[in-house]
Amino acid sequence: MSTNMVTRTKRLKKGSNILDTITNLFTTQQINEYDQFYDALEAAKREWLDSRMYFDSVSDPELVDYAIHMMEASETKYMYLLNKAKKENYTVDLSRLI
């Protein structure tokens, strides 16, 4: 094999390794983004459920208003994240959420 051919082969192998590394980085980044999103979705559902329990436990009229506001806000946040998951084609296992 000529030296020119050996050099080309080495470049191709080196380029392939770089491509593999870049692909792995993007895959790892996508997994991290998904994990962060899933954690946020889980926290939003927990917040929504907590606000519902708080609403059920208060009796003071002013606190009831506050509890309603908290419950509506947390539900809106949770629904927003579910819709975002749908738009970005994330697979969300709702049974794993609290």
PDB file of N, CA and C in Angstrom:
ATOM      1  N   MET A   1       0.851  -1.163   0.000  1.00  0.00           N
ATOM      2  CA  MET A   1       0.000   0.000   0.000  1.00  0.00           C
ATOM      3  C   MET A   1       0.900   1.231   0.000  1.00  0.00           C
ATOM      4  N   SER A   2       0.555   2.202  -0.774  1.00  0.00           N
ATOM      5  CA  SER A   2       1.369   3.415  -0.845  1.00  0.00           C
ATOM      6  C   SER A   2       1.178   4.244   0.427  1.00  0.00           C
ATOM      7  N   THR A   3       2.156   5.104   0.676  1.00  0.00           N
ATOM      8  CA  THR A   3       2.069   5.952   1.875  1.00  0.00           C
ATOM      9  C   THR A   3       0.886   6.898   1.791  1.00  0.00           C
ATOM     10  N   ASN A   4       0.576   7.322   0.575  1.00  0.00           N
ATOM     11  CA  ASN A   4      -0.572   8.208   0.384  1.00  0.00           C
ATOM     12  C   ASN A   4      -1.875   7.495   0.779  1.00  0.00           C
ATOM     13  N   MET A   5      -1.986   6.231   0.427  1.00  0.00           N
ATOM     14  CA  MET A   5      -3.173   5.443   0.742  1.00  0.00           C
ATOM     15  C   MET A   5      -3.270   5.207   2.247  1.00  0.00           C
ATOM     16  N   VAL A   6      -2.122   4.949   2.892  1.00  0.00           N
ATOM     17  CA  VAL A   6      -2.092   4.739   4.340  1.00  0.00           C
ATOM     18  C   VAL A   6      -2.526   6.014   5.054  1.00  0.00           C
ATOM     19  N   THR A   7      -2.038   7.152   4.596  1.00  0.00           N
ATOM     20  CA  THR A   7      -2.393   8.442   5.184  1.00  0.00           C
ATOM     21  C   THR A   7      -3.898   8.684   5.068  1.00  0.00           C
ATOM     22  N   ARG A   8      -4.467   8.406   3.916  1.00  0.00           N
ATOM     23  CA  ARG A   8      -5.916   8.576   3.719  1.00  0.00           C
ATOM     24  C   ARG A   8      -6.708   7.663   4.643  1.00  0.00           C
ATOM     25  N   THR A   9      -6.242   6.428   4.778  1.00  0.00           N
ATOM     26  CA  THR A   9      -6.929   5.468   5.643  1.00  0.00           C
ATOM     27  C   THR A   9      -6.901   5.954   7.090  1.00  0.00           C
ATOM     28  N   LYS A  10      -5.741   6.455   7.535  1.00  0.00           N
ATOM     29  CA  LYS A  10      -5.624   6.977   8.894  1.00  0.00           C
ATOM     30  C   LYS A  10      -6.552   8.168   9.107  1.00  0.00           C
ATOM     31  N   ARG A  11      -6.635   9.046   8.101  1.00  0.00           N
ATOM     32  CA  ARG A  11      -7.524  10.211   8.203  1.00  0.00           C
ATOM     33  C   ARG A  11      -8.983   9.780   8.301  1.00  0.00           C
ATOM     34  N   LEU A  12      -9.363   8.785   7.498  1.00  0.00           N
ATOM     35  CA  LEU A  12     -10.736   8.297   7.537  1.00  0.00           C
ATOM     36  C   LEU A  12     -11.066   7.708   8.908  1.00  0.00           C
ATOM     37  N   LYS A  13     -10.135   6.916   9.462  1.00  0.00           N
ATOM     38  CA  LYS A  13     -10.360   6.333  10.784  1.00  0.00           C
ATOM     39  C   LYS A  13     -10.450   7.417  11.838  1.00  0.00           C
ATOM     40  N   LYS A  14      -9.547   8.405  11.747  1.00  0.00           N
ATOM     41  CA  LYS A  14      -9.557   9.508  12.701  1.00  0.00           C
ATOM     42  C   LYS A  14     -10.864  10.294  12.576  1.00  0.00           C
ATOM     43  N   GLY A  15     -11.295  10.561  11.346  1.00  0.00           N
ATOM     44  CA  GLY A  15     -12.554  11.276  11.108  1.00  0.00           C
ATOM     45  C   GLY A  15     -13.742  10.500  11.635  1.00  0.00           C
ATOM     46  N   SER A  16     -13.688   9.191  11.490  1.00  0.00           N
ATOM     47  CA  SER A  16     -14.764   8.348  11.995  1.00  0.00           C
ATOM     48  C   SER A  16     -14.831   8.420  13.517  1.00  0.00           C
ATOM     49  N   ASN A  17     -13.682   8.410  14.172  1.00  0.00           N
ATOM     50  CA  ASN A  17     -13.650   8.516  15.631  1.00  0.00           C
ATOM     51  C   ASN A  17     -14.205   9.857  16.098  1.00  0.00           C
ATOM     52  N   ILE A  18     -13.865  10.918  15.386  1.00  0.00           N
ATOM     53  CA  ILE A  18     -14.375  12.244  15.730  1.00  0.00           C
ATOM     54  C   ILE A  18     -15.889  12.276  15.555  1.00  0.00           C
ATOM     55  N   LEU A  19     -16.373  11.697  14.460  1.00  0.00           N
ATOM     56  CA  LEU A  19     -17.812  11.647  14.209  1.00  0.00           C
ATOM     57  C   LEU A  19     -18.522  10.851  15.306  1.00  0.00           C
ATOM     58  N   ASP A  20     -17.935   9.730  15.702  1.00  0.00           N
ATOM     59  CA  ASP A  20     -18.517   8.936  16.792  1.00  0.00           C
ATOM     60  C   ASP A  20     -18.575   9.740  18.081  1.00  0.00           C
ATOM     61  N   THR A  21     -17.506  10.468  18.371  1.00  0.00           N
ATOM     62  CA  THR A  21     -17.446  11.279  19.582  1.00  0.00           C
ATOM     63  C   THR A  21     -18.516  12.358  19.559  1.00  0.00           C
ATOM     64  N   ILE A  22     -18.658  13.048  18.433  1.00  0.00           N
ATOM     65  CA  ILE A  22     -19.673  14.103  18.308  1.00  0.00           C
ATOM     66  C   ILE A  22     -21.068  13.511  18.446  1.00  0.00           C
ATOM     67  N   THR A  23     -21.312  12.382  17.811  1.00  0.00           N
ATOM     68  CA  THR A  23     -22.614  11.722  17.908  1.00  0.00           C
ATOM     69  C   THR A  23     -22.919  11.348  19.344  1.00  0.00           C
ATOM     70  N   ASN A  24     -21.923  10.809  20.041  1.00  0.00           N
ATOM     71  CA  ASN A  24     -22.123  10.441  21.446  1.00  0.00           C
ATOM     72  C   ASN A  24     -22.417  11.662  22.305  1.00  0.00           C
ATOM     73  N   LEU A  25     -21.729  12.777  22.030  1.00  0.00           N
ATOM     74  CA  LEU A  25     -21.969  14.005  22.787  1.00  0.00           C
ATOM     75  C   LEU A  25     -23.394  14.498  22.601  1.00  0.00           C
ATOM     76  N   PHE A  26     -23.868  14.497  21.340  1.00  0.00           N
ATOM     77  CA  PHE A  26     -25.237  14.953  21.077  1.00  0.00           C
ATOM     78  C   PHE A  26     -26.244  14.022  21.725  1.00  0.00           C
ATOM     79  N   THR A  27     -25.997  12.725  21.660  1.00  0.00           N
ATOM     80  CA  THR A  27     -26.906  11.767  22.273  1.00  0.00           C
ATOM     81  C   THR A  27     -26.945  11.964  23.779  1.00  0.00           C
ATOM     82  N   THR A  28     -25.777  12.146  24.399  1.00  0.00           N
ATOM     83  CA  THR A  28     -25.701  12.378  25.836  1.00  0.00           C
ATOM     84  C   THR A  28     -26.416  13.668  26.202  1.00  0.00           C
ATOM     85  N   GLN A  29     -26.240  14.718  25.395  1.00  0.00           N
ATOM     86  CA  GLN A  29     -26.890  15.993  25.659  1.00  0.00           C
ATOM     87  C   GLN A  29     -28.404  15.849  25.567  1.00  0.00           C
ATOM     88  N   GLN A  30     -28.884  15.112  24.567  1.00  0.00           N
ATOM     89  CA  GLN A  30     -30.320  14.910  24.416  1.00  0.00           C
ATOM     90  C   GLN A  30     -30.890  14.140  25.605  1.00  0.00           C
ATOM     91  N   ILE A  31     -30.143  13.138  26.079  1.00  0.00           N
ATOM     92  CA  ILE A  31     -30.593  12.365  27.231  1.00  0.00           C
ATOM     93  C   ILE A  31     -30.649  13.257  28.465  1.00  0.00           C
ATOM     94  N   ASN A  32     -29.635  14.097  28.647  1.00  0.00           N
ATOM     95  CA  ASN A  32     -29.619  15.020  29.792  1.00  0.00           C
ATOM     96  C   ASN A  32     -30.773  16.001  29.733  1.00  0.00           C
ATOM     97  N   GLU A  33     -31.055  16.535  28.537  1.00  0.00           N
ATOM     98  CA  GLU A  33     -32.176  17.461  28.377  1.00  0.00           C
ATOM     99  C   GLU A  33     -33.496  16.760  28.704  1.00  0.00           C
ATOM    100  N   TYR A  34     -33.640  15.521  28.236  1.00  0.00           N
ATOM    101  CA  TYR A  34     -34.857  14.765  28.515  1.00  0.00           C
ATOM    102  C   TYR A  34     -34.996  14.524  30.016  1.00  0.00           C
ATOM    103  N   ASP A  35     -33.889  14.134  30.669  1.00  0.00           N
ATOM    104  CA  ASP A  35     -33.926  13.896  32.114  1.00  0.00           C
ATOM    105  C   ASP A  35     -34.317  15.164  32.871  1.00  0.00           C
ATOM    106  N   GLN A  36     -33.755  16.291  32.472  1.00  0.00           N
ATOM    107  CA  GLN A  36     -34.094  17.560  33.124  1.00  0.00           C
ATOM    108  C   GLN A  36     -35.561  17.906  32.905  1.00  0.00           C
ATOM    109  N   PHE A  37     -36.039  17.686  31.691  1.00  0.00           N
ATOM    110  CA  PHE A  37     -37.439  17.967  31.385  1.00  0.00           C
ATOM    111  C   PHE A  37     -38.346  17.056  32.212  1.00  0.00           C
ATOM    112  N   TYR A  38     -38.001  15.778  32.267  1.00  0.00           N
ATOM    113  CA  TYR A  38     -38.814  14.822  33.010  1.00  0.00           C
ATOM    114  C   TYR A  38     -38.836  15.172  34.492  1.00  0.00           C
ATOM    115  N   ASP A  39     -37.692  15.610  35.033  1.00  0.00           N
ATOM    116  CA  ASP A  39     -37.640  16.041  36.438  1.00  0.00           C
ATOM    117  C   ASP A  39     -38.551  17.242  36.669  1.00  0.00           C
ATOM    118  N   ALA A  40     -38.548  18.185  35.728  1.00  0.00           N
ATOM    119  CA  ALA A  40     -39.411  19.370  35.844  1.00  0.00           C
ATOM    120  C   ALA A  40     -40.881  18.972  35.769  1.00  0.00           C
ATOM    121  N   LEU A  41     -41.192  18.033  34.905  1.00  0.00           N
ATOM    122  CA  LEU A  41     -42.571  17.557  34.775  1.00  0.00           C
ATOM    123  C   LEU A  41     -43.022  16.869  36.056  1.00  0.00           C
ATOM    124  N   GLU A  42     -42.150  16.059  36.611  1.00  0.00           N
ATOM    125  CA  GLU A  42     -42.448  15.368  37.857  1.00  0.00           C
ATOM    126  C   GLU A  42     -42.665  16.370  39.006  1.00  0.00           C
ATOM    127  N   ALA A  43     -41.800  17.387  39.078  1.00  0.00           N
ATOM    128  CA  ALA A  43     -41.926  18.413  40.118  1.00  0.00           C
ATOM    129  C   ALA A  43     -43.222  19.199  39.955  1.00  0.00           C
ATOM    130  N   ALA A  44     -43.601  19.487  38.701  1.00  0.00           N
ATOM    131  CA  ALA A  44     -44.838  20.232  38.445  1.00  0.00           C
ATOM    132  C   ALA A  44     -46.061  19.426  38.883  1.00  0.00           C
ATOM    133  N   LYS A  45     -46.033  18.130  38.622  1.00  0.00           N
ATOM    134  CA  LYS A  45     -47.172  17.307  39.045  1.00  0.00           C
ATOM    135  C   LYS A  45     -47.233  17.237  40.575  1.00  0.00           C
ATOM    136  N   ARG A  46     -46.070  17.091  41.207  1.00  0.00           N
ATOM    137  CA  ARG A  46     -46.013  17.050  42.666  1.00  0.00           C
ATOM    138  C   ARG A  46     -46.554  18.357  43.255  1.00  0.00           C
ATOM    139  N   GLU A  47     -46.152  19.482  42.639  1.00  0.00           N
ATOM    140  CA  GLU A  47     -46.620  20.798  43.092  1.00  0.00           C
ATOM    141  C   GLU A  47     -48.131  20.913  42.955  1.00  0.00           C
ATOM    142  N   TRP A  48     -48.665  20.414  41.862  1.00  0.00           N
ATOM    143  CA  TRP A  48     -50.103  20.463  41.619  1.00  0.00           C
ATOM    144  C   TRP A  48     -50.849  19.624  42.661  1.00  0.00           C
ATOM    145  N   LEU A  49     -50.360  18.418  42.909  1.00  0.00           N
ATOM    146  CA  LEU A  49     -51.005  17.557  43.898  1.00  0.00           C
ATOM    147  C   LEU A  49     -50.912  18.150  45.302  1.00  0.00           C
ATOM    148  N   ASP A  50     -49.762  18.728  45.621  1.00  0.00           N
ATOM    149  CA  ASP A  50     -49.598  19.378  46.934  1.00  0.00           C
ATOM    150  C   ASP A  50     -50.554  20.545  47.096  1.00  0.00           C
ATOM    151  N   SER A  51     -50.733  21.321  46.020  1.00  0.00           N
ATOM    152  CA  SER A  51     -51.635  22.473  46.114  1.00  0.00           C
ATOM    153  C   SER A  51     -53.087  22.018  46.285  1.00  0.00           C
ATOM    154  N   ARG A  52     -53.436  20.886  45.702  1.00  0.00           N
ATOM    155  CA  ARG A  52     -54.792  20.345  45.887  1.00  0.00           C
ATOM    156  C   ARG A  52     -55.002  19.889  47.323  1.00  0.00           C
ATOM    157  N   MET A  53     -53.969  19.265  47.896  1.00  0.00           N
ATOM    158  CA  MET A  53     -54.077  18.840  49.306  1.00  0.00           C
ATOM    159  C   MET A  53     -54.170  20.058  50.220  1.00  0.00           C
ATOM    160  N   TYR A  54     -53.411  21.100  49.896  1.00  0.00           N
ATOM    161  CA  TYR A  54     -53.478  22.326  50.696  1.00  0.00           C
ATOM    162  C   TYR A  54     -54.876  22.927  50.628  1.00  0.00           C
ATOM    163  N   PHE A  55     -55.448  22.969  49.425  1.00  0.00           N
ATOM    164  CA  PHE A  55     -56.805  23.487  49.246  1.00  0.00           C
ATOM    165  C   PHE A  55     -57.795  22.716  50.111  1.00  0.00           C
ATOM    166  N   ASP A  56     -57.643  21.401  50.140  1.00  0.00           N
ATOM    167  CA  ASP A  56     -58.551  20.565  50.933  1.00  0.00           C
ATOM    168  C   ASP A  56     -58.389  20.779  52.435  1.00  0.00           C
ATOM    169  N   SER A  57     -57.249  21.306  52.852  1.00  0.00           N
ATOM    170  CA  SER A  57     -56.985  21.419  54.286  1.00  0.00           C
ATOM    171  C   SER A  57     -57.280  22.798  54.881  1.00  0.00           C
ATOM    172  N   VAL A  58     -57.498  23.811  54.046  1.00  0.00           N
ATOM    173  CA  VAL A  58     -57.721  25.159  54.591  1.00  0.00           C
ATOM    174  C   VAL A  58     -59.210  25.454  54.737  1.00  0.00           C
ATOM    175  N   SER A  59     -59.521  26.342  55.694  1.00  0.00           N
ATOM    176  CA  SER A  59     -60.921  26.724  55.886  1.00  0.00           C
ATOM    177  C   SER A  59     -61.104  28.245  55.920  1.00  0.00           C
ATOM    178  N   ASP A  60     -60.050  28.970  56.215  1.00  0.00           N
ATOM    179  CA  ASP A  60     -60.118  30.435  56.244  1.00  0.00           C
ATOM    180  C   ASP A  60     -60.380  30.936  54.817  1.00  0.00           C
ATOM    181  N   PRO A  61     -61.392  31.801  54.633  1.00  0.00           N
ATOM    182  CA  PRO A  61     -61.747  32.277  53.292  1.00  0.00           C
ATOM    183  C   PRO A  61     -60.573  32.894  52.512  1.00  0.00           C
ATOM    184  N   GLU A  62     -59.715  33.644  53.196  1.00  0.00           N
ATOM    185  CA  GLU A  62     -58.573  34.242  52.501  1.00  0.00           C
ATOM    186  C   GLU A  62     -57.578  33.173  52.049  1.00  0.00           C
ATOM    187  N   LEU A  63     -57.399  32.157  52.869  1.00  0.00           N
ATOM    188  CA  LEU A  63     -56.497  31.077  52.493  1.00  0.00           C
ATOM    189  C   LEU A  63     -57.089  30.204  51.388  1.00  0.00           C
ATOM    190  N   VAL A  64     -58.404  30.100  51.372  1.00  0.00           N
ATOM    191  CA  VAL A  64     -59.060  29.343  50.302  1.00  0.00           C
ATOM    192  C   VAL A  64     -58.783  30.019  48.960  1.00  0.00           C
ATOM    193  N   ASP A  65     -58.898  31.360  48.926  1.00  0.00           N
ATOM    194  CA  ASP A  65     -58.591  32.089  47.689  1.00  0.00           C
ATOM    195  C   ASP A  65     -57.142  31.856  47.258  1.00  0.00           C
ATOM    196  N   TYR A  66     -56.247  31.924  48.223  1.00  0.00           N
ATOM    197  CA  TYR A  66     -54.829  31.690  47.928  1.00  0.00           C
ATOM    198  C   TYR A  66     -54.616  30.261  47.428  1.00  0.00           C
ATOM    199  N   ALA A  67     -55.264  29.297  48.063  1.00  0.00           N
ATOM    200  CA  ALA A  67     -55.128  27.894  47.672  1.00  0.00           C
ATOM    201  C   ALA A  67     -55.655  27.667  46.257  1.00  0.00           C
ATOM    202  N   ILE A  68     -56.760  28.329  45.922  1.00  0.00           N
ATOM    203  CA  ILE A  68     -57.316  28.208  44.568  1.00  0.00           C
ATOM    204  C   ILE A  68     -56.321  28.761  43.548  1.00  0.00           C
ATOM    205  N   HIS A  69     -55.747  29.907  43.855  1.00  0.00           N
ATOM    206  CA  HIS A  69     -54.759  30.506  42.961  1.00  0.00           C
ATOM    207  C   HIS A  69     -53.559  29.575  42.764  1.00  0.00           C
ATOM    208  N   MET A  70     -53.049  29.029  43.867  1.00  0.00           N
ATOM    209  CA  MET A  70     -51.915  28.101  43.788  1.00  0.00           C
ATOM    210  C   MET A  70     -52.267  26.871  42.957  1.00  0.00           C
ATOM    211  N   MET A  71     -53.441  26.340  43.178  1.00  0.00           N
ATOM    212  CA  MET A  71     -53.877  25.136  42.480  1.00  0.00           C
ATOM    213  C   MET A  71     -54.014  25.393  40.982  1.00  0.00           C
ATOM    214  N   GLU A  72     -54.620  26.514  40.614  1.00  0.00           N
ATOM    215  CA  GLU A  72     -54.782  26.840  39.198  1.00  0.00           C
ATOM    216  C   GLU A  72     -53.440  27.101  38.521  1.00  0.00           C
ATOM    217  N   ALA A  73     -52.552  27.796  39.215  1.00  0.00           N
ATOM    218  CA  ALA A  73     -51.234  28.094  38.643  1.00  0.00           C
ATOM    219  C   ALA A  73     -50.417  26.820  38.447  1.00  0.00           C
ATOM    220  N   SER A  74     -50.436  25.937  39.429  1.00  0.00           N
ATOM    221  CA  SER A  74     -49.647  24.719  39.309  1.00  0.00           C
ATOM    222  C   SER A  74     -50.229  23.771  38.261  1.00  0.00           C
ATOM    223  N   GLU A  75     -51.548  23.754  38.134  1.00  0.00           N
ATOM    224  CA  GLU A  75     -52.172  22.937  37.091  1.00  0.00           C
ATOM    225  C   GLU A  75     -51.807  23.469  35.708  1.00  0.00           C
ATOM    226  N   THR A  76     -51.810  24.785  35.554  1.00  0.00           N
ATOM    227  CA  THR A  76     -51.446  25.396  34.275  1.00  0.00           C
ATOM    228  C   THR A  76     -50.006  25.052  33.903  1.00  0.00           C
ATOM    229  N   LYS A  77     -49.123  25.110  34.876  1.00  0.00           N
ATOM    230  CA  LYS A  77     -47.716  24.775  34.636  1.00  0.00           C
ATOM    231  C   LYS A  77     -47.576  23.315  34.203  1.00  0.00           C
ATOM    232  N   TYR A  78     -48.259  22.428  34.898  1.00  0.00           N
ATOM    233  CA  TYR A  78     -48.192  20.998  34.583  1.00  0.00           C
ATOM    234  C   TYR A  78     -48.746  20.730  33.182  1.00  0.00           C
ATOM    235  N   MET A  79     -49.862  21.341  32.844  1.00  0.00           N
ATOM    236  CA  MET A  79     -50.456  21.151  31.519  1.00  0.00           C
ATOM    237  C   MET A  79     -49.549  21.714  30.425  1.00  0.00           C
ATOM    238  N   TYR A  80     -48.905  22.839  30.716  1.00  0.00           N
ATOM    239  CA  TYR A  80     -47.956  23.428  29.768  1.00  0.00           C
ATOM    240  C   TYR A  80     -46.833  22.436  29.466  1.00  0.00           C
ATOM    241  N   LEU A  81     -46.279  21.829  30.508  1.00  0.00           N
ATOM    242  CA  LEU A  81     -45.180  20.882  30.310  1.00  0.00           C
ATOM    243  C   LEU A  81     -45.639  19.629  29.572  1.00  0.00           C
ATOM    244  N   LEU A  82     -46.847  19.160  29.842  1.00  0.00           N
ATOM    245  CA  LEU A  82     -47.374  18.012  29.104  1.00  0.00           C
ATOM    246  C   LEU A  82     -47.533  18.349  27.621  1.00  0.00           C
ATOM    247  N   ASN A  83     -48.043  19.549  27.331  1.00  0.00           N
ATOM    248  CA  ASN A  83     -48.187  19.964  25.932  1.00  0.00           C
ATOM    249  C   ASN A  83     -46.836  20.117  25.253  1.00  0.00           C
ATOM    250  N   LYS A  84     -45.859  20.628  25.992  1.00  0.00           N
ATOM    251  CA  LYS A  84     -44.504  20.756  25.440  1.00  0.00           C
ATOM    252  C   LYS A  84     -43.927  19.379  25.119  1.00  0.00           C
ATOM    253  N   ALA A  85     -44.170  18.421  25.985  1.00  0.00           N
ATOM    254  CA  ALA A  85     -43.700  17.056  25.750  1.00  0.00           C
ATOM    255  C   ALA A  85     -44.328  16.501  24.471  1.00  0.00           C
ATOM    256  N   LYS A  86     -45.589  16.791  24.273  1.00  0.00           N
ATOM    257  CA  LYS A  86     -46.288  16.315  23.077  1.00  0.00           C
ATOM    258  C   LYS A  86     -45.708  16.961  21.821  1.00  0.00           C
ATOM    259  N   LYS A  87     -45.469  18.279  21.865  1.00  0.00           N
ATOM    260  CA  LYS A  87     -44.929  18.998  20.711  1.00  0.00           C
ATOM    261  C   LYS A  87     -43.528  18.530  20.351  1.00  0.00           C
ATOM    262  N   GLU A  88     -42.724  18.192  21.360  1.00  0.00           N
ATOM    263  CA  GLU A  88     -41.343  17.784  21.117  1.00  0.00           C
ATOM    264  C   GLU A  88     -41.203  16.275  20.986  1.00  0.00           C
ATOM    265  N   ASN A  89     -42.351  15.592  20.916  1.00  0.00           N
ATOM    266  CA  ASN A  89     -42.385  14.139  20.740  1.00  0.00           C
ATOM    267  C   ASN A  89     -41.641  13.372  21.827  1.00  0.00           C
ATOM    268  N   TYR A  90     -41.690  13.897  23.056  1.00  0.00           N
ATOM    269  CA  TYR A  90     -41.126  13.160  24.179  1.00  0.00           C
ATOM    270  C   TYR A  90     -42.099  12.050  24.546  1.00  0.00           C
ATOM    271  N   THR A  91     -41.569  10.934  24.917  1.00  0.00           N
ATOM    272  CA  THR A  91     -42.400   9.857  25.420  1.00  0.00           C
ATOM    273  C   THR A  91     -42.458  10.001  26.932  1.00  0.00           C
ATOM    274  N   VAL A  92     -43.648  10.192  27.445  1.00  0.00           N
ATOM    275  CA  VAL A  92     -43.806  10.398  28.880  1.00  0.00           C
ATOM    276  C   VAL A  92     -44.646   9.250  29.437  1.00  0.00           C
ATOM    277  N   ASP A  93     -44.068   8.526  30.363  1.00  0.00           N
ATOM    278  CA  ASP A  93     -44.782   7.438  31.037  1.00  0.00           C
ATOM    279  C   ASP A  93     -45.494   8.045  32.242  1.00  0.00           C
ATOM    280  N   LEU A  94     -46.757   8.377  32.064  1.00  0.00           N
ATOM    281  CA  LEU A  94     -47.511   9.061  33.117  1.00  0.00           C
ATOM    282  C   LEU A  94     -47.660   8.209  34.364  1.00  0.00           C
ATOM    283  N   SER A  95     -47.594   6.896  34.215  1.00  0.00           N
ATOM    284  CA  SER A  95     -47.733   6.032  35.391  1.00  0.00           C
ATOM    285  C   SER A  95     -46.503   6.152  36.302  1.00  0.00           C
ATOM    286  N   ARG A  96     -45.361   6.607  35.757  1.00  0.00           N
ATOM    287  CA  ARG A  96     -44.157   6.791  36.573  1.00  0.00           C
ATOM    288  C   ARG A  96     -44.192   8.090  37.356  1.00  0.00           C
ATOM    289  N   LEU A  97     -45.001   9.021  36.891  1.00  0.00           N
ATOM    290  CA  LEU A  97     -45.126  10.274  37.619  1.00  0.00           C
ATOM    291  C   LEU A  97     -45.935  10.012  38.872  1.00  0.00           C
ATOM    292  N   ILE A  98     -45.562  10.610  39.938  1.00  0.00           N
ATOM    293  CA  ILE A  98     -46.170  10.456  41.262  1.00  0.00           C
ATOM    294  C   ILE A  98     -47.606  10.003  41.210  1.00  0.00           C
TER     295      ILE A  98
END
